[in-house]
Amino acid sequence: MVCPYLAYRDRADDARFDEARAYCTAADRFVQAMRADVCNDRYGLAHDEHCEIYLEHADDGESEADGEVDRAGGNS
């Protein structure tokens, strides 16, 4: 399962990127590729166990994040 706070964006403000970059909607910022590996549960990592940003926001925003995924047509 992918972190519900993970998004990929190909632009920021006036800048446009050739490749979409990992963006954490909980932290409201772009994140490094290694953090995106945690978000995507790669290499034996799990976002709901190993990501301090997710753990910080899970209690107060889990249902809100799930709603965002549903509206975006993500997996339920």
N, C-alpha and C. Protein backbone atom coordinates (compact mmCIF):
# COMPACT_ATOMS: atom_id res chain seq x y z
N MET A 1 0.83 -1.17 0.00
CA MET A 1 0.00 0.00 0.00
C MET A 1 0.88 1.24 0.00
N VAL A 2 0.59 2.18 -0.83
CA VAL A 2 1.33 3.43 -0.92
C VAL A 2 0.78 4.41 0.11
N CYS A 3 1.63 5.25 0.63
CA CYS A 3 1.21 6.25 1.61
C CYS A 3 0.15 7.17 1.00
N PRO A 4 -0.93 7.43 1.72
CA PRO A 4 -1.98 8.29 1.18
C PRO A 4 -1.56 9.75 1.08
N TYR A 5 -0.45 10.13 1.71
CA TYR A 5 0.03 11.51 1.64
C TYR A 5 0.99 11.73 0.47
N LEU A 6 1.33 10.69 -0.26
CA LEU A 6 2.28 10.80 -1.37
C LEU A 6 1.58 11.23 -2.65
N ALA A 7 2.18 12.21 -3.30
CA ALA A 7 1.70 12.65 -4.61
C ALA A 7 2.93 12.88 -5.48
N TYR A 8 2.75 12.84 -6.77
CA TYR A 8 3.84 13.17 -7.68
C TYR A 8 3.43 14.39 -8.48
N ARG A 9 4.29 15.39 -8.47
CA ARG A 9 3.98 16.65 -9.15
C ARG A 9 5.08 16.98 -10.15
N ASP A 10 4.65 17.51 -11.29
CA ASP A 10 5.63 17.88 -12.32
C ASP A 10 5.85 19.38 -12.40
N ARG A 11 5.35 20.11 -11.41
CA ARG A 11 5.57 21.55 -11.37
C ARG A 11 5.45 22.06 -9.94
N ALA A 12 6.07 23.21 -9.72
CA ALA A 12 5.99 23.91 -8.44
C ALA A 12 6.11 25.40 -8.74
N ASP A 13 5.13 26.14 -8.30
CA ASP A 13 5.09 27.57 -8.59
C ASP A 13 5.24 27.78 -10.10
N ASP A 14 6.28 28.46 -10.52
CA ASP A 14 6.49 28.73 -11.94
C ASP A 14 7.41 27.71 -12.61
N ALA A 15 7.99 26.80 -11.83
CA ALA A 15 8.93 25.81 -12.36
C ALA A 15 8.18 24.58 -12.84
N ARG A 16 8.68 23.99 -13.92
CA ARG A 16 8.13 22.75 -14.44
C ARG A 16 9.27 21.75 -14.55
N PHE A 17 9.01 20.48 -14.15
CA PHE A 17 10.05 19.45 -14.14
C PHE A 17 9.86 18.49 -15.30
N ASP A 18 10.97 17.94 -15.78
CA ASP A 18 10.91 16.92 -16.83
C ASP A 18 10.26 15.63 -16.30
N GLU A 19 10.57 15.29 -15.06
CA GLU A 19 10.04 14.10 -14.41
C GLU A 19 9.26 14.54 -13.17
N ALA A 20 8.15 13.88 -12.90
CA ALA A 20 7.37 14.19 -11.71
C ALA A 20 8.19 13.86 -10.46
N ARG A 21 8.06 14.68 -9.45
CA ARG A 21 8.81 14.52 -8.20
C ARG A 21 7.87 14.17 -7.05
N ALA A 22 8.41 13.43 -6.09
CA ALA A 22 7.63 13.01 -4.93
C ALA A 22 7.31 14.23 -4.06
N TYR A 23 6.03 14.34 -3.69
CA TYR A 23 5.57 15.45 -2.87
C TYR A 23 4.77 14.89 -1.71
N CYS A 24 5.10 15.31 -0.50
CA CYS A 24 4.38 14.87 0.69
C CYS A 24 3.32 15.91 1.01
N THR A 25 2.06 15.53 0.88
CA THR A 25 0.97 16.48 1.15
C THR A 25 0.81 16.74 2.64
N ALA A 26 1.27 15.83 3.49
CA ALA A 26 1.20 16.05 4.94
C ALA A 26 2.22 17.10 5.36
N ALA A 27 3.42 17.04 4.81
CA ALA A 27 4.47 17.99 5.14
C ALA A 27 4.41 19.22 4.24
N ASP A 28 3.64 19.14 3.17
CA ASP A 28 3.48 20.23 2.21
C ASP A 28 4.81 20.64 1.58
N ARG A 29 5.55 19.61 1.13
CA ARG A 29 6.85 19.87 0.49
C ARG A 29 7.28 18.67 -0.35
N PHE A 30 8.20 18.94 -1.26
CA PHE A 30 8.80 17.87 -2.03
C PHE A 30 9.74 17.09 -1.12
N VAL A 31 9.86 15.79 -1.36
CA VAL A 31 10.72 14.95 -0.54
C VAL A 31 11.75 14.26 -1.41
N GLN A 32 12.84 13.85 -0.79
CA GLN A 32 13.91 13.17 -1.49
C GLN A 32 13.46 11.78 -1.95
N ALA A 33 14.14 11.28 -2.93
CA ALA A 33 13.81 9.96 -3.49
C ALA A 33 13.87 8.86 -2.43
N MET A 34 14.81 8.95 -1.50
CA MET A 34 14.91 7.93 -0.46
C MET A 34 13.66 7.94 0.43
N ARG A 35 13.11 9.11 0.71
CA ARG A 35 11.88 9.17 1.51
C ARG A 35 10.73 8.60 0.68
N ALA A 36 10.71 8.86 -0.61
CA ALA A 36 9.66 8.31 -1.47
C ALA A 36 9.70 6.78 -1.48
N ASP A 37 10.88 6.20 -1.31
CA ASP A 37 10.99 4.74 -1.19
C ASP A 37 10.21 4.25 0.03
N VAL A 38 10.28 4.99 1.13
CA VAL A 38 9.52 4.63 2.33
C VAL A 38 8.03 4.80 2.03
N CYS A 39 7.67 5.92 1.37
CA CYS A 39 6.27 6.19 1.02
C CYS A 39 5.67 5.07 0.16
N ASN A 40 6.49 4.51 -0.69
CA ASN A 40 6.05 3.46 -1.60
C ASN A 40 6.26 2.06 -1.03
N ASP A 41 6.65 1.98 0.24
CA ASP A 41 6.87 0.70 0.93
C ASP A 41 7.87 -0.20 0.21
N ARG A 42 8.95 0.39 -0.25
CA ARG A 42 10.00 -0.37 -0.94
C ARG A 42 11.06 -0.83 0.05
N TYR A 43 11.83 -1.82 -0.34
CA TYR A 43 13.00 -2.30 0.40
C TYR A 43 12.66 -2.74 1.83
N GLY A 44 11.50 -3.32 2.01
CA GLY A 44 11.12 -3.81 3.32
C GLY A 44 10.70 -2.73 4.30
N LEU A 45 10.54 -1.52 3.82
CA LEU A 45 10.08 -0.41 4.66
C LEU A 45 8.58 -0.26 4.54
N ALA A 46 7.96 0.29 5.55
CA ALA A 46 6.52 0.52 5.53
C ALA A 46 6.26 1.93 6.03
N HIS A 47 5.55 2.70 5.22
CA HIS A 47 5.31 4.10 5.59
C HIS A 47 4.60 4.23 6.92
N ASP A 48 3.69 3.31 7.23
CA ASP A 48 2.93 3.39 8.47
C ASP A 48 3.71 2.91 9.69
N GLU A 49 4.95 2.47 9.48
CA GLU A 49 5.82 2.06 10.58
C GLU A 49 7.10 2.87 10.64
N HIS A 50 7.62 3.31 9.48
CA HIS A 50 8.95 3.91 9.41
C HIS A 50 8.99 5.39 9.05
N CYS A 51 7.89 5.99 8.76
CA CYS A 51 7.90 7.41 8.36
C CYS A 51 7.37 8.29 9.48
N GLU A 52 8.24 9.13 10.01
CA GLU A 52 7.82 10.00 11.12
C GLU A 52 6.78 11.03 10.68
N ILE A 53 6.81 11.45 9.44
CA ILE A 53 5.80 12.39 8.94
C ILE A 53 4.43 11.72 8.93
N TYR A 54 4.35 10.52 8.40
CA TYR A 54 3.08 9.78 8.37
C TYR A 54 2.58 9.55 9.79
N LEU A 55 3.44 9.07 10.66
CA LEU A 55 3.03 8.76 12.04
C LEU A 55 2.54 10.00 12.76
N GLU A 56 3.15 11.14 12.49
CA GLU A 56 2.74 12.40 13.09
C GLU A 56 1.33 12.81 12.65
N HIS A 57 0.99 12.53 11.40
CA HIS A 57 -0.28 12.97 10.84
C HIS A 57 -1.35 11.89 10.79
N ALA A 58 -1.00 10.65 11.03
CA ALA A 58 -1.94 9.54 10.89
C ALA A 58 -3.13 9.66 11.83
N ASP A 59 -2.87 10.03 13.06
CA ASP A 59 -3.94 10.11 14.04
C ASP A 59 -4.96 11.19 13.72
N ASP A 60 -4.50 12.37 13.29
CA ASP A 60 -5.41 13.47 13.06
C ASP A 60 -5.85 13.61 11.61
N GLY A 61 -5.24 12.91 10.68
CA GLY A 61 -5.60 13.12 9.29
C GLY A 61 -5.82 11.88 8.46
N GLU A 62 -5.83 10.72 9.07
CA GLU A 62 -5.94 9.49 8.30
C GLU A 62 -7.22 9.44 7.48
N SER A 63 -8.35 9.78 8.07
CA SER A 63 -9.60 9.72 7.32
C SER A 63 -9.63 10.79 6.24
N GLU A 64 -9.03 11.96 6.51
CA GLU A 64 -8.96 13.02 5.50
C GLU A 64 -8.09 12.58 4.33
N ALA A 65 -6.95 11.96 4.63
CA ALA A 65 -6.05 11.50 3.57
C ALA A 65 -6.72 10.41 2.74
N ASP A 66 -7.45 9.51 3.40
CA ASP A 66 -8.16 8.46 2.66
C ASP A 66 -9.17 9.08 1.71
N GLY A 67 -9.86 10.11 2.14
CA GLY A 67 -10.82 10.78 1.28
C GLY A 67 -10.17 11.41 0.08
N GLU A 68 -8.96 11.96 0.26
CA GLU A 68 -8.25 12.55 -0.87
C GLU A 68 -7.90 11.49 -1.90
N VAL A 69 -7.49 10.32 -1.43
CA VAL A 69 -7.15 9.25 -2.36
C VAL A 69 -8.40 8.81 -3.12
N ASP A 70 -9.54 8.67 -2.40
CA ASP A 70 -10.76 8.25 -3.06
C ASP A 70 -11.20 9.26 -4.12
N ARG A 71 -11.13 10.56 -3.80
CA ARG A 71 -11.54 11.59 -4.77
C ARG A 71 -10.63 11.58 -5.98
N ALA A 72 -9.36 11.23 -5.76
CA ALA A 72 -8.40 11.23 -6.86
C ALA A 72 -8.49 9.94 -7.68
N GLY A 73 -9.32 9.02 -7.23
CA GLY A 73 -9.46 7.77 -7.97
C GLY A 73 -8.42 6.75 -7.60
N GLY A 74 -7.81 6.89 -6.41
CA GLY A 74 -6.79 5.96 -5.98
C GLY A 74 -7.40 4.67 -5.48
N ASN A 75 -6.51 3.81 -5.03
CA ASN A 75 -6.96 2.51 -4.51
C ASN A 75 -7.68 2.69 -3.20
N SER A 76 -8.70 1.86 -2.95
CA SER A 76 -9.42 1.90 -1.69
C SER A 76 -8.94 0.82 -0.78
